[in-house]
């Protein structure tokens, strides 16, 4: 993880703890966000490509048009999340919770991944 991302992650956590939920267009590509709680956050158009979101709580978040290409979403809580237009190509979705997630034909899942299972 780049040092600039470390300070960005710290600022994100402080802002979230203070009640901020609007993080549209944030760039945290390649950042380590494992285990973070960003439940209900607006993360639309964000760049999380190659980020580690293992075991993160993103339940009810807006990830519309976000870039999660090659992100690690192992055991991530994505229940009720908006994934409209989200790029998940190459993402690791092992044991990710996708119940009630909102996606459509503009959502790009990894090859061979069936979000309905």
Protein backbone atom coordinates (compact mmCIF):
# COMPACT_ATOMS: atom_id res chain seq x y z
CA UNK A 1 0.00 0.00 0.00
CA UNK A 2 1.30 3.42 -0.89
CA UNK A 3 1.91 5.81 2.02
CA UNK A 4 -0.54 8.34 0.54
CA UNK A 5 -3.26 5.70 0.83
CA UNK A 6 -2.49 5.14 4.50
CA UNK A 7 -3.29 8.76 5.33
CA UNK A 8 -6.34 8.65 3.03
CA UNK A 9 -7.64 5.56 4.82
CA UNK A 10 -7.11 7.27 8.20
CA UNK A 11 -8.99 10.35 6.99
CA UNK A 12 -11.78 8.16 5.58
CA UNK A 13 -12.20 6.39 8.92
CA UNK A 14 -12.23 9.67 10.87
CA UNK A 15 -14.80 11.18 8.51
CA UNK A 16 -16.97 8.05 8.65
CA UNK A 17 -16.81 7.99 12.46
CA UNK A 18 -17.88 11.66 12.47
CA UNK A 19 -20.98 10.75 10.46
CA UNK A 20 -19.89 11.52 6.90
CA UNK A 21 -21.19 9.00 4.37
CA UNK A 22 -20.43 10.72 1.03
CA UNK A 23 -17.16 9.38 -0.38
CA UNK A 24 -18.04 9.51 -4.08
CA UNK A 25 -15.10 9.30 -6.49
CA UNK A 26 -12.56 8.50 -3.74
CA UNK A 27 -9.41 6.82 -5.07
CA UNK A 28 -8.21 4.01 -2.84
CA UNK A 29 -6.82 1.71 -5.49
CA UNK A 30 -4.39 -0.81 -4.01
CA UNK A 31 -5.27 0.30 -0.46
CA UNK A 32 -5.65 -2.09 2.47
CA UNK A 33 -9.24 -1.67 3.67
CA UNK A 34 -9.62 -5.15 5.13
CA UNK A 35 -12.14 -5.40 7.93
CA UNK A 36 -13.34 -1.79 7.61
CA UNK A 37 -16.92 -0.81 8.35
CA UNK A 38 -18.30 1.52 5.67
CA UNK A 39 -21.91 0.39 6.03
CA UNK A 40 -24.30 2.70 4.17
CA UNK A 41 -21.58 4.84 2.58
CA UNK A 42 -21.87 6.44 -0.86
CA UNK A 43 -18.86 5.00 -2.67
CA UNK A 44 -20.22 5.50 -6.17
CA UNK A 45 -17.61 6.11 -8.88
CA UNK A 46 -14.85 5.21 -6.38
CA UNK A 47 -11.65 3.46 -7.44
CA UNK A 48 -10.93 0.37 -5.36
CA UNK A 49 -9.05 -1.49 -8.10
CA UNK A 50 -6.63 -4.01 -6.61
CA UNK A 51 -7.68 -2.96 -3.08
CA UNK A 52 -7.95 -5.39 -0.17
CA UNK A 53 -11.54 -5.24 1.12
CA UNK A 54 -11.38 -8.68 2.73
CA UNK A 55 -14.05 -8.99 5.45
CA UNK A 56 -15.14 -5.35 5.05
CA UNK A 57 -18.71 -4.32 5.90
CA UNK A 58 -20.15 -2.50 2.87
CA UNK A 59 -23.74 -3.49 3.62
CA UNK A 60 -26.24 -1.07 2.08
CA UNK A 61 -23.51 1.01 0.43
CA UNK A 62 -23.73 2.59 -2.99
CA UNK A 63 -20.96 1.16 -5.18
CA UNK A 64 -22.60 2.20 -8.45
CA UNK A 65 -20.04 2.63 -11.22
CA UNK A 66 -17.18 1.92 -8.80
CA UNK A 67 -14.02 0.22 -10.04
CA UNK A 68 -13.40 -2.95 -8.03
CA UNK A 69 -11.37 -4.63 -10.75
CA UNK A 70 -9.08 -7.23 -9.14
CA UNK A 71 -10.14 -6.21 -5.61
CA UNK A 72 -10.16 -8.81 -2.85
CA UNK A 73 -13.75 -8.99 -1.59
CA UNK A 74 -13.38 -12.30 0.24
CA UNK A 75 -16.02 -12.55 3.00
CA UNK A 76 -17.11 -8.95 2.34
CA UNK A 77 -20.66 -8.01 3.33
CA UNK A 78 -22.28 -6.59 0.19
CA UNK A 79 -25.88 -7.27 1.23
CA UNK A 80 -28.27 -4.63 -0.07
CA UNK A 81 -25.47 -2.87 -1.92
CA UNK A 82 -26.01 -1.02 -5.20
CA UNK A 83 -23.69 -2.53 -7.81
CA UNK A 84 -25.20 -0.87 -10.90
CA UNK A 85 -22.46 -0.43 -13.50
CA UNK A 86 -19.80 -1.65 -11.06
CA UNK A 87 -16.63 -3.20 -12.50
CA UNK A 88 -15.90 -6.40 -10.57
CA UNK A 89 -13.86 -8.08 -13.31
CA UNK A 90 -11.06 -10.05 -11.75
CA UNK A 91 -12.39 -9.44 -8.23
CA UNK A 92 -12.17 -12.20 -5.64
CA UNK A 93 -15.72 -12.74 -4.37
CA UNK A 94 -15.19 -15.93 -2.37
CA UNK A 95 -17.76 -16.14 0.44
CA UNK A 96 -18.92 -12.55 -0.25
CA UNK A 97 -22.49 -11.85 0.91
CA UNK A 98 -24.55 -10.55 -2.06
CA UNK A 99 -28.13 -11.08 -0.81
CA UNK A 100 -30.42 -8.29 -2.01
CA UNK A 101 -27.55 -6.56 -3.84
CA UNK A 102 -28.83 -4.49 -6.77
CA UNK A 103 -27.08 -5.19 -10.08
CA UNK A 104 -28.01 -5.23 -13.76
CA UNK A 105 -26.54 -5.98 -17.17
CA UNK A 106 -24.10 -3.05 -16.80
CA UNK A 107 -22.50 -4.72 -13.75
CA UNK A 108 -19.32 -6.57 -14.75
CA UNK A 109 -18.78 -9.68 -12.63
CA UNK A 110 -15.70 -11.93 -12.90
CA UNK A 111 -15.83 -14.48 -15.73
CA UNK A 112 -17.84 -17.49 -14.65
CA UNK A 113 -19.22 -15.84 -11.50
CA UNK A 114 -22.96 -16.20 -10.95
CA UNK A 115 -24.24 -13.54 -8.52
CA UNK A 116 -27.54 -15.38 -8.09
CA UNK A 117 -25.92 -18.34 -6.28
